[in-house]
Amino acid sequence: MSRSPIRFEDGAAYERGMGAWSLPTGAAFLDWLAPAPGLAWLDVGCGSGAFTELLLRRAAAAEAHGIDPAPAQLAFARDRPGAAGAVFHQGEAGALPFPAERFDAAAMALVIFFLPDPARGVAEMARVVRPGGLVAAYAWDMASGGFPFAPIRAALAACGHTPILPPSAEASGIAEMAALWRGAGLAGVATTSFEITRRFIDFDAFWAVSTLTGSLRASVAGLDAAALARVKEATCARVAIAADGSVGCTARANAVRGIVPPAPG
C-alpha cells in the first residue's frame, strides 16, 4: 500500500464521510476517560469540530480549543452550532502554538496516523498540558481492519490497485500507541478498544459516503469506469447487506490515555 500525506479540503464532505463516525466514537472515548467537568481542553487535529463539540456538550469543558492545518476544516468547525464557544486555530500537531502547561487536557481524535512524526505530536501534547493533566487519543485500528471503510480498501487491493494509507498507519495499533505515550514520559498509561456500527440505507449510500474524502477518495479518483465497477462489485461482496438492502458497517478504534507527571525536582 502506498503512503501519502492526506489533505482535507472540504469540511462538509469530511463531516458526512467521517464526522458522523467521530461523534459516537468520541462519545465512547469520553465515557472511558470520564474526565472531570470544567477542564481547559485542546483538540489536536480537530477537523470539522465533531470531537470539539463533544468536549463542550458531553465533557462540560470550561474551554475548548481546536487546532488543525486545513482552512476548510476550520471554516466548517467555526460554523458548527454545537461548537459555539470553542476557539479554533490553524496549525500543526508537531509544533503547537501554545505555551507549556496551558491546558488541563489534550486529545487527538482519529488523527495520530496522519502525523508524519507521531512521537513529536504526542510530546507536544504533553508539553502544553499541566502536570497531573490528561493526554489521550483514539484512532481507527488500521493494521487490523478497524477502519470504517476497510472493505473498500480490501477490494482495491484484490482488484490489483494500491490503496493509499496515511503516513503513520502503524501508529494506530494499541501496543504502538501505548509505546508512544510511555516514550513521551506520560504516567499511568492505559489502553482500550471499542467498536462502533453504522447502518446505511443501501450499498450506494455506503459507497458515496465512504469515498467522499481522504485516502479512499484519492484511491478511487484515478480509476476508469470499468475498474471502478470491478472495485464496487468486490466491495459489495465484502459488506453485510441485510434483507432490506441496508448495509451495516462496524469500525474498531484503539484508545490510549496518560497523565503528565510532575516536573523533576
C-alpha atoms as a PDB file:
ATOM      1  CA  MET A   1       0.000   0.000   0.000  1.00  0.00           C
ATOM      2  CA  SER A   2       1.263   3.473  -0.830  1.00  0.00           C
ATOM      3  CA  ARG A   3       1.585   6.151   1.826  1.00  0.00           C
ATOM      4  CA  SER A   4       0.976   9.798   1.216  1.00  0.00           C
ATOM      5  CA  PRO A   5       0.067  12.982   3.080  1.00  0.00           C
ATOM      6  CA  ILE A   6      -3.726  13.222   3.002  1.00  0.00           C
ATOM      7  CA  ARG A   7      -5.375  16.604   2.625  1.00  0.00           C
ATOM      8  CA  PHE A   8      -8.900  17.535   3.670  1.00  0.00           C
ATOM      9  CA  GLU A   9     -10.113  20.489   1.632  1.00  0.00           C
ATOM     10  CA  ASP A  10     -13.885  20.155   2.065  1.00  0.00           C
ATOM     11  CA  GLY A  11     -15.181  20.415   5.613  1.00  0.00           C
ATOM     12  CA  ALA A  12     -18.760  19.472   4.737  1.00  0.00           C
ATOM     13  CA  ALA A  13     -17.648  16.365   2.835  1.00  0.00           C
ATOM     14  CA  TYR A  14     -15.420  15.314   5.723  1.00  0.00           C
ATOM     15  CA  GLU A  15     -18.320  15.765   8.128  1.00  0.00           C
ATOM     16  CA  ARG A  16     -20.554  13.465   6.070  1.00  0.00           C
ATOM     17  CA  GLY A  17     -17.829  10.903   5.499  1.00  0.00           C
ATOM     18  CA  MET A  18     -16.036  10.812   8.846  1.00  0.00           C
ATOM     19  CA  GLY A  19     -17.576  13.325  11.249  1.00  0.00           C
ATOM     20  CA  ALA A  20     -20.644  11.099  11.595  1.00  0.00           C
ATOM     21  CA  TRP A  21     -18.314   8.294  12.707  1.00  0.00           C
ATOM     22  CA  SER A  22     -16.406  10.581  15.048  1.00  0.00           C
ATOM     23  CA  LEU A  23     -19.398  11.574  17.179  1.00  0.00           C
ATOM     24  CA  PRO A  24     -20.364   8.094  18.501  1.00  0.00           C
ATOM     25  CA  THR A  25     -16.726   7.011  18.704  1.00  0.00           C
ATOM     26  CA  GLY A  26     -15.765  10.179  20.547  1.00  0.00           C
ATOM     27  CA  ALA A  27     -18.673   9.691  22.943  1.00  0.00           C
ATOM     28  CA  ALA A  28     -17.467   6.170  23.792  1.00  0.00           C
ATOM     29  CA  PHE A  29     -13.947   7.542  24.234  1.00  0.00           C
ATOM     30  CA  LEU A  30     -15.103  10.241  26.660  1.00  0.00           C
ATOM     31  CA  ASP A  31     -17.153   7.703  28.603  1.00  0.00           C
ATOM     32  CA  TRP A  32     -13.942   5.707  29.052  1.00  0.00           C
ATOM     33  CA  LEU A  33     -11.887   8.756  30.037  1.00  0.00           C
ATOM     34  CA  ALA A  34     -14.588  10.020  32.442  1.00  0.00           C
ATOM     35  CA  PRO A  35     -12.911  13.432  32.746  1.00  0.00           C
ATOM     36  CA  ALA A  36     -13.864  15.928  35.417  1.00  0.00           C
ATOM     37  CA  PRO A  37     -16.043  18.793  34.206  1.00  0.00           C
ATOM     38  CA  GLY A  38     -14.691  22.301  33.876  1.00  0.00           C
ATOM     39  CA  LEU A  39     -11.354  21.482  32.249  1.00  0.00           C
ATOM     40  CA  ALA A  40      -9.494  23.504  29.627  1.00  0.00           C
ATOM     41  CA  TRP A  41      -9.174  21.153  26.628  1.00  0.00           C
ATOM     42  CA  LEU A  42      -7.140  21.123  23.421  1.00  0.00           C
ATOM     43  CA  ASP A  43      -8.448  19.099  20.469  1.00  0.00           C
ATOM     44  CA  VAL A  44      -5.422  18.395  18.249  1.00  0.00           C
ATOM     45  CA  GLY A  45      -6.347  17.812  14.605  1.00  0.00           C
ATOM     46  CA  CYS A  46      -9.891  18.987  15.289  1.00  0.00           C
ATOM     47  CA  GLY A  47     -11.041  18.642  11.665  1.00  0.00           C
ATOM     48  CA  SER A  48     -14.715  19.548  11.308  1.00  0.00           C
ATOM     49  CA  GLY A  49     -15.083  20.089  15.055  1.00  0.00           C
ATOM     50  CA  ALA A  50     -17.059  16.923  15.848  1.00  0.00           C
ATOM     51  CA  PHE A  51     -14.951  15.984  18.871  1.00  0.00           C
ATOM     52  CA  THR A  52     -14.621  19.630  19.943  1.00  0.00           C
ATOM     53  CA  GLU A  53     -18.403  19.730  20.112  1.00  0.00           C
ATOM     54  CA  LEU A  54     -18.373  16.655  22.356  1.00  0.00           C
ATOM     55  CA  LEU A  55     -15.878  18.305  24.695  1.00  0.00           C
ATOM     56  CA  LEU A  56     -18.327  21.139  25.262  1.00  0.00           C
ATOM     57  CA  ARG A  57     -21.522  19.128  25.301  1.00  0.00           C
ATOM     58  CA  ARG A  58     -20.501  15.825  26.889  1.00  0.00           C
ATOM     59  CA  ALA A  59     -17.347  16.655  28.871  1.00  0.00           C
ATOM     60  CA  ALA A  60     -18.582  20.057  30.088  1.00  0.00           C
ATOM     61  CA  ALA A  61     -15.297  21.713  29.144  1.00  0.00           C
ATOM     62  CA  ALA A  62     -14.696  25.184  30.551  1.00  0.00           C
ATOM     63  CA  GLU A  63     -12.544  25.896  27.494  1.00  0.00           C
ATOM     64  CA  ALA A  64     -12.306  24.028  24.205  1.00  0.00           C
ATOM     65  CA  HIS A  65      -9.605  24.893  21.692  1.00  0.00           C
ATOM     66  CA  GLY A  66      -9.221  23.078  18.387  1.00  0.00           C
ATOM     67  CA  ILE A  67      -6.255  23.165  16.055  1.00  0.00           C
ATOM     68  CA  ASP A  68      -5.984  21.843  12.500  1.00  0.00           C
ATOM     69  CA  PRO A  69      -3.828  22.583   9.441  1.00  0.00           C
ATOM     70  CA  ALA A  70      -6.763  22.653   6.963  1.00  0.00           C
ATOM     71  CA  PRO A  71      -8.547  26.001   6.457  1.00  0.00           C
ATOM     72  CA  ALA A  72     -11.649  24.310   5.003  1.00  0.00           C
ATOM     73  CA  GLN A  73     -12.000  22.109   8.071  1.00  0.00           C
ATOM     74  CA  LEU A  74     -11.616  25.076  10.397  1.00  0.00           C
ATOM     75  CA  ALA A  75     -14.196  27.089   8.466  1.00  0.00           C
ATOM     76  CA  PHE A  76     -16.705  24.260   8.929  1.00  0.00           C
ATOM     77  CA  ALA A  77     -15.808  23.871  12.620  1.00  0.00           C
ATOM     78  CA  ARG A  78     -16.258  27.584  13.313  1.00  0.00           C
ATOM     79  CA  ASP A  79     -19.770  27.445  11.860  1.00  0.00           C
ATOM     80  CA  ARG A  80     -20.697  24.294  13.759  1.00  0.00           C
ATOM     81  CA  PRO A  81     -23.608  25.183  16.079  1.00  0.00           C
ATOM     82  CA  GLY A  82     -22.646  22.610  18.705  1.00  0.00           C
ATOM     83  CA  ALA A  83     -19.119  24.016  18.918  1.00  0.00           C
ATOM     84  CA  ALA A  84     -20.173  27.583  19.628  1.00  0.00           C
ATOM     85  CA  GLY A  85     -17.815  28.939  22.245  1.00  0.00           C
ATOM     86  CA  ALA A  86     -14.827  26.900  21.094  1.00  0.00           C
ATOM     87  CA  VAL A  87     -11.753  28.658  19.727  1.00  0.00           C
ATOM     88  CA  PHE A  88     -10.198  27.263  16.556  1.00  0.00           C
ATOM     89  CA  HIS A  89      -6.603  27.767  15.429  1.00  0.00           C
ATOM     90  CA  GLN A  90      -4.695  26.860  12.283  1.00  0.00           C
ATOM     91  CA  GLY A  91      -1.504  24.948  12.999  1.00  0.00           C
ATOM     92  CA  GLU A  92       0.349  21.652  13.074  1.00  0.00           C
ATOM     93  CA  ALA A  93       0.305  18.958  15.737  1.00  0.00           C
ATOM     94  CA  GLY A  94       4.087  18.779  15.699  1.00  0.00           C
ATOM     95  CA  ALA A  95       4.514  22.464  16.591  1.00  0.00           C
ATOM     96  CA  LEU A  96       1.605  23.536  18.775  1.00  0.00           C
ATOM     97  CA  PRO A  97       1.452  27.347  19.113  1.00  0.00           C
ATOM     98  CA  PHE A  98       0.710  27.317  22.833  1.00  0.00           C
ATOM     99  CA  PRO A  99       2.862  27.835  25.928  1.00  0.00           C
ATOM    100  CA  ALA A 100       3.844  24.965  28.191  1.00  0.00           C
ATOM    101  CA  GLU A 101       1.217  23.778  30.683  1.00  0.00           C
ATOM    102  CA  ARG A 102      -1.537  25.843  29.029  1.00  0.00           C
ATOM    103  CA  PHE A 103      -4.264  23.152  29.170  1.00  0.00           C
ATOM    104  CA  ASP A 104      -5.716  20.669  31.629  1.00  0.00           C
ATOM    105  CA  ALA A 105      -6.190  18.019  28.946  1.00  0.00           C
ATOM    106  CA  ALA A 106      -5.347  17.377  25.288  1.00  0.00           C
ATOM    107  CA  ALA A 107      -6.661  14.766  22.890  1.00  0.00           C
ATOM    108  CA  MET A 108      -6.247  13.560  19.322  1.00  0.00           C
ATOM    109  CA  ALA A 109      -9.418  12.160  17.751  1.00  0.00           C
ATOM    110  CA  LEU A 110      -8.759   9.990  14.663  1.00  0.00           C
ATOM    111  CA  VAL A 111      -5.551  11.890  13.976  1.00  0.00           C
ATOM    112  CA  ILE A 112      -2.391  10.103  15.060  1.00  0.00           C
ATOM    113  CA  PHE A 113      -1.993   8.049  11.858  1.00  0.00           C
ATOM    114  CA  PHE A 114      -1.928  11.260   9.785  1.00  0.00           C
ATOM    115  CA  LEU A 115       1.110  12.682  11.579  1.00  0.00           C
ATOM    116  CA  PRO A 116       4.463  12.339   9.813  1.00  0.00           C
ATOM    117  CA  ASP A 117       6.075  12.123  13.270  1.00  0.00           C
ATOM    118  CA  PRO A 118       3.584  10.745  15.826  1.00  0.00           C
ATOM    119  CA  ALA A 119       6.121  10.812  18.667  1.00  0.00           C
ATOM    120  CA  ARG A 120       6.612  14.542  18.199  1.00  0.00           C
ATOM    121  CA  GLY A 121       2.865  15.111  18.200  1.00  0.00           C
ATOM    122  CA  VAL A 122       2.445  13.238  21.482  1.00  0.00           C
ATOM    123  CA  ALA A 123       5.392  15.105  23.014  1.00  0.00           C
ATOM    124  CA  GLU A 124       3.801  18.406  22.006  1.00  0.00           C
ATOM    125  CA  MET A 125       0.519  17.457  23.661  1.00  0.00           C
ATOM    126  CA  ALA A 126       2.406  16.532  26.825  1.00  0.00           C
ATOM    127  CA  ARG A 127       4.263  19.862  26.714  1.00  0.00           C
ATOM    128  CA  VAL A 128       1.122  22.010  26.610  1.00  0.00           C
ATOM    129  CA  VAL A 129      -0.713  20.090  29.365  1.00  0.00           C
ATOM    130  CA  ARG A 130      -0.082  20.902  33.028  1.00  0.00           C
ATOM    131  CA  PRO A 131       1.404  18.337  35.427  1.00  0.00           C
ATOM    132  CA  GLY A 132      -1.351  15.989  36.507  1.00  0.00           C
ATOM    133  CA  GLY A 133      -3.274  16.711  33.319  1.00  0.00           C
ATOM    134  CA  LEU A 134      -4.585  14.227  30.785  1.00  0.00           C
ATOM    135  CA  VAL A 135      -3.178  13.352  27.347  1.00  0.00           C
ATOM    136  CA  ALA A 136      -5.300  10.948  25.303  1.00  0.00           C
ATOM    137  CA  ALA A 137      -6.153   9.765  21.796  1.00  0.00           C
ATOM    138  CA  TYR A 138      -8.246   7.342  19.819  1.00  0.00           C
ATOM    139  CA  ALA A 139      -7.634   6.091  16.307  1.00  0.00           C
ATOM    140  CA  TRP A 140      -9.026   3.543  13.885  1.00  0.00           C
ATOM    141  CA  ASP A 141      -7.141   0.251  14.152  1.00  0.00           C
ATOM    142  CA  MET A 142      -5.749   0.494  10.619  1.00  0.00           C
ATOM    143  CA  ALA A 143      -3.447  -2.522  10.751  1.00  0.00           C
ATOM    144  CA  SER A 144      -6.159  -4.930  11.914  1.00  0.00           C
ATOM    145  CA  GLY A 145      -9.030  -3.893   9.674  1.00  0.00           C
ATOM    146  CA  GLY A 146     -10.708  -1.483  12.066  1.00  0.00           C
ATOM    147  CA  PHE A 147     -11.009   1.362   9.556  1.00  0.00           C
ATOM    148  CA  PRO A 148     -14.716   2.008   8.800  1.00  0.00           C
ATOM    149  CA  PHE A 149     -14.140   1.656   5.076  1.00  0.00           C
ATOM    150  CA  ALA A 150     -11.800  -1.343   5.226  1.00  0.00           C
ATOM    151  CA  PRO A 151     -13.972  -3.357   2.774  1.00  0.00           C
ATOM    152  CA  ILE A 152     -13.267  -0.827   0.026  1.00  0.00           C
ATOM    153  CA  ARG A 153      -9.562  -0.835   0.779  1.00  0.00           C
ATOM    154  CA  ALA A 154      -9.533  -4.655   0.637  1.00  0.00           C
ATOM    155  CA  ALA A 155     -11.468  -4.604  -2.645  1.00  0.00           C
ATOM    156  CA  LEU A 156      -8.995  -2.181  -4.189  1.00  0.00           C
ATOM    157  CA  ALA A 157      -6.106  -4.461  -3.272  1.00  0.00           C
ATOM    158  CA  ALA A 158      -7.946  -7.550  -4.560  1.00  0.00           C
ATOM    159  CA  CYS A 159      -8.517  -5.805  -7.892  1.00  0.00           C
ATOM    160  CA  GLY A 160      -4.832  -5.007  -8.297  1.00  0.00           C
ATOM    161  CA  HIS A 161      -4.888  -1.375  -7.165  1.00  0.00           C
ATOM    162  CA  THR A 162      -2.771   0.121  -4.422  1.00  0.00           C
ATOM    163  CA  PRO A 163      -4.872   1.687  -1.667  1.00  0.00           C
ATOM    164  CA  ILE A 164      -3.438   4.835  -0.170  1.00  0.00           C
ATOM    165  CA  LEU A 165      -2.628   4.677   3.530  1.00  0.00           C
ATOM    166  CA  PRO A 166      -1.982   7.622   5.828  1.00  0.00           C
ATOM    167  CA  PRO A 167       1.719   8.151   6.512  1.00  0.00           C
ATOM    168  CA  SER A 168       1.788   6.639  10.020  1.00  0.00           C
ATOM    169  CA  ALA A 169      -0.904   3.946   9.865  1.00  0.00           C
ATOM    170  CA  GLU A 170       1.096   1.648  12.151  1.00  0.00           C
ATOM    171  CA  ALA A 171       0.805   4.218  14.970  1.00  0.00           C
ATOM    172  CA  SER A 172      -2.852   3.232  15.389  1.00  0.00           C
ATOM    173  CA  GLY A 173      -2.014  -0.176  16.869  1.00  0.00           C
ATOM    174  CA  ILE A 174      -2.842  -0.422  20.545  1.00  0.00           C
ATOM    175  CA  ALA A 175       0.681  -1.504  21.555  1.00  0.00           C
ATOM    176  CA  GLU A 176       2.203   1.202  19.365  1.00  0.00           C
ATOM    177  CA  MET A 177       0.019   3.880  20.913  1.00  0.00           C
ATOM    178  CA  ALA A 178       0.941   2.773  24.421  1.00  0.00           C
ATOM    179  CA  ALA A 179       4.634   2.869  23.472  1.00  0.00           C
ATOM    180  CA  LEU A 180       4.280   6.410  22.110  1.00  0.00           C
ATOM    181  CA  TRP A 181       2.650   7.557  25.342  1.00  0.00           C
ATOM    182  CA  ARG A 182       5.319   5.954  27.506  1.00  0.00           C
ATOM    183  CA  GLY A 183       8.015   7.340  25.218  1.00  0.00           C
ATOM    184  CA  ALA A 184       6.674  10.838  25.870  1.00  0.00           C
ATOM    185  CA  GLY A 185       7.186  10.271  29.602  1.00  0.00           C
ATOM    186  CA  LEU A 186       3.489  10.034  30.419  1.00  0.00           C
ATOM    187  CA  ALA A 187       2.460   8.140  33.547  1.00  0.00           C
ATOM    188  CA  GLY A 188      -0.391   5.733  34.247  1.00  0.00           C
ATOM    189  CA  VAL A 189      -0.711   4.761  30.601  1.00  0.00           C
ATOM    190  CA  ALA A 190      -3.859   2.753  29.875  1.00  0.00           C
ATOM    191  CA  THR A 191      -5.446   1.493  26.664  1.00  0.00           C
ATOM    192  CA  THR A 192      -8.748   0.101  25.438  1.00  0.00           C
ATOM    193  CA  SER A 193     -10.611  -0.671  22.229  1.00  0.00           C
ATOM    194  CA  PHE A 194     -14.225  -0.235  21.234  1.00  0.00           C
ATOM    195  CA  GLU A 195     -16.425  -0.903  18.209  1.00  0.00           C
ATOM    196  CA  ILE A 196     -18.936   1.386  16.543  1.00  0.00           C
ATOM    197  CA  THR A 197     -21.571   0.293  13.988  1.00  0.00           C
ATOM    198  CA  ARG A 198     -23.412   2.420  11.446  1.00  0.00           C
ATOM    199  CA  ARG A 199     -26.118   1.437   9.003  1.00  0.00           C
ATOM    200  CA  PHE A 200     -26.547   2.850   5.522  1.00  0.00           C
ATOM    201  CA  ILE A 201     -29.806   2.701   3.596  1.00  0.00           C
ATOM    202  CA  ASP A 202     -28.190   0.761   0.749  1.00  0.00           C
ATOM    203  CA  PHE A 203     -24.838  -0.029  -0.845  1.00  0.00           C
ATOM    204  CA  ASP A 204     -24.840   3.124  -2.955  1.00  0.00           C
ATOM    205  CA  ALA A 205     -25.206   5.245   0.177  1.00  0.00           C
ATOM    206  CA  PHE A 206     -22.358   3.376   1.866  1.00  0.00           C
ATOM    207  CA  TRP A 207     -20.128   3.830  -1.191  1.00  0.00           C
ATOM    208  CA  ALA A 208     -20.959   7.516  -1.629  1.00  0.00           C
ATOM    209  CA  VAL A 209     -20.240   8.409   1.985  1.00  0.00           C
ATOM    210  CA  SER A 210     -17.128   6.243   2.192  1.00  0.00           C
ATOM    211  CA  THR A 211     -15.433   7.810  -0.833  1.00  0.00           C
ATOM    212  CA  LEU A 212     -16.269  11.448  -0.151  1.00  0.00           C
ATOM    213  CA  THR A 213     -12.910  12.413   1.240  1.00  0.00           C
ATOM    214  CA  GLY A 214      -9.490  11.324   2.467  1.00  0.00           C
ATOM    215  CA  SER A 215      -7.495   8.314   1.361  1.00  0.00           C
ATOM    216  CA  LEU A 216     -10.358   6.461  -0.323  1.00  0.00           C
ATOM    217  CA  ARG A 217     -11.364   9.421  -2.433  1.00  0.00           C
ATOM    218  CA  ALA A 218      -7.778   9.644  -3.621  1.00  0.00           C
ATOM    219  CA  SER A 219      -7.607   5.872  -4.150  1.00  0.00           C
ATOM    220  CA  VAL A 220     -10.649   5.693  -6.446  1.00  0.00           C
ATOM    221  CA  ALA A 221     -10.257   9.051  -8.180  1.00  0.00           C
ATOM    222  CA  GLY A 222      -7.986   7.738 -10.912  1.00  0.00           C
ATOM    223  CA  LEU A 223      -9.948   4.579 -11.764  1.00  0.00           C
ATOM    224  CA  ASP A 224     -11.658   4.334 -15.141  1.00  0.00           C
ATOM    225  CA  ALA A 225     -15.310   3.283 -15.312  1.00  0.00           C
ATOM    226  CA  ALA A 226     -14.574  -0.426 -15.792  1.00  0.00           C
ATOM    227  CA  ALA A 227     -12.038  -0.560 -12.966  1.00  0.00           C
ATOM    228  CA  LEU A 228     -14.362   1.367 -10.682  1.00  0.00           C
ATOM    229  CA  ALA A 229     -17.205  -1.069 -11.407  1.00  0.00           C
ATOM    230  CA  ARG A 230     -14.953  -4.034 -10.532  1.00  0.00           C
ATOM    231  CA  VAL A 231     -13.910  -2.439  -7.244  1.00  0.00           C
ATOM    232  CA  LYS A 232     -17.522  -1.671  -6.331  1.00  0.00           C
ATOM    233  CA  GLU A 233     -18.531  -5.259  -7.098  1.00  0.00           C
ATOM    234  CA  ALA A 234     -15.662  -6.590  -4.986  1.00  0.00           C
ATOM    235  CA  THR A 235     -16.629  -4.244  -2.161  1.00  0.00           C
ATOM    236  CA  CYS A 236     -20.255  -5.338  -2.328  1.00  0.00           C
ATOM    237  CA  ALA A 237     -19.128  -8.916  -1.747  1.00  0.00           C
ATOM    238  CA  ARG A 238     -17.280  -7.840   1.412  1.00  0.00           C
ATOM    239  CA  VAL A 239     -20.031  -5.948   3.256  1.00  0.00           C
ATOM    240  CA  ALA A 240     -23.025  -7.215   5.210  1.00  0.00           C
ATOM    241  CA  ILE A 241     -26.179  -6.429   3.237  1.00  0.00           C
ATOM    242  CA  ALA A 242     -29.453  -7.050   5.071  1.00  0.00           C
ATOM    243  CA  ALA A 243     -32.663  -8.350   3.520  1.00  0.00           C
ATOM    244  CA  ASP A 244     -33.949  -4.782   3.198  1.00  0.00           C
ATOM    245  CA  GLY A 245     -30.824  -3.779   1.273  1.00  0.00           C
ATOM    246  CA  SER A 246     -29.258  -1.774   4.091  1.00  0.00           C
ATOM    247  CA  VAL A 247     -25.539  -2.074   4.779  1.00  0.00           C
ATOM    248  CA  GLY A 248     -24.066  -2.468   8.239  1.00  0.00           C
ATOM    249  CA  CYS A 249     -20.509  -1.322   8.836  1.00  0.00           C
ATOM    250  CA  THR A 250     -18.546  -1.851  12.056  1.00  0.00           C
ATOM    251  CA  ALA A 251     -15.340   0.000  12.867  1.00  0.00           C
ATOM    252  CA  ARG A 252     -12.891  -0.567  15.692  1.00  0.00           C
ATOM    253  CA  ALA A 253     -10.916   2.146  17.437  1.00  0.00           C
ATOM    254  CA  ASN A 254      -7.989   1.891  19.825  1.00  0.00           C
ATOM    255  CA  ALA A 255      -7.628   4.427  22.615  1.00  0.00           C
ATOM    256  CA  VAL A 256      -4.858   5.470  24.986  1.00  0.00           C
ATOM    257  CA  ARG A 257      -4.534   7.853  27.918  1.00  0.00           C
ATOM    258  CA  GLY A 258      -1.765   9.020  30.227  1.00  0.00           C
ATOM    259  CA  ILE A 259      -1.019  11.662  32.835  1.00  0.00           C
ATOM    260  CA  VAL A 260       1.645  14.363  32.645  1.00  0.00           C
ATOM    261  CA  PRO A 261       3.987  13.672  35.586  1.00  0.00           C
ATOM    262  CA  PRO A 262       5.195  16.377  37.973  1.00  0.00           C
ATOM    263  CA  ALA A 263       8.234  18.335  36.856  1.00  0.00           C
ATOM    264  CA  PRO A 264      11.531  16.907  38.166  1.00  0.00           C
ATOM    265  CA  GLY A 265      12.667  18.413  41.452  1.00  0.00           C
END
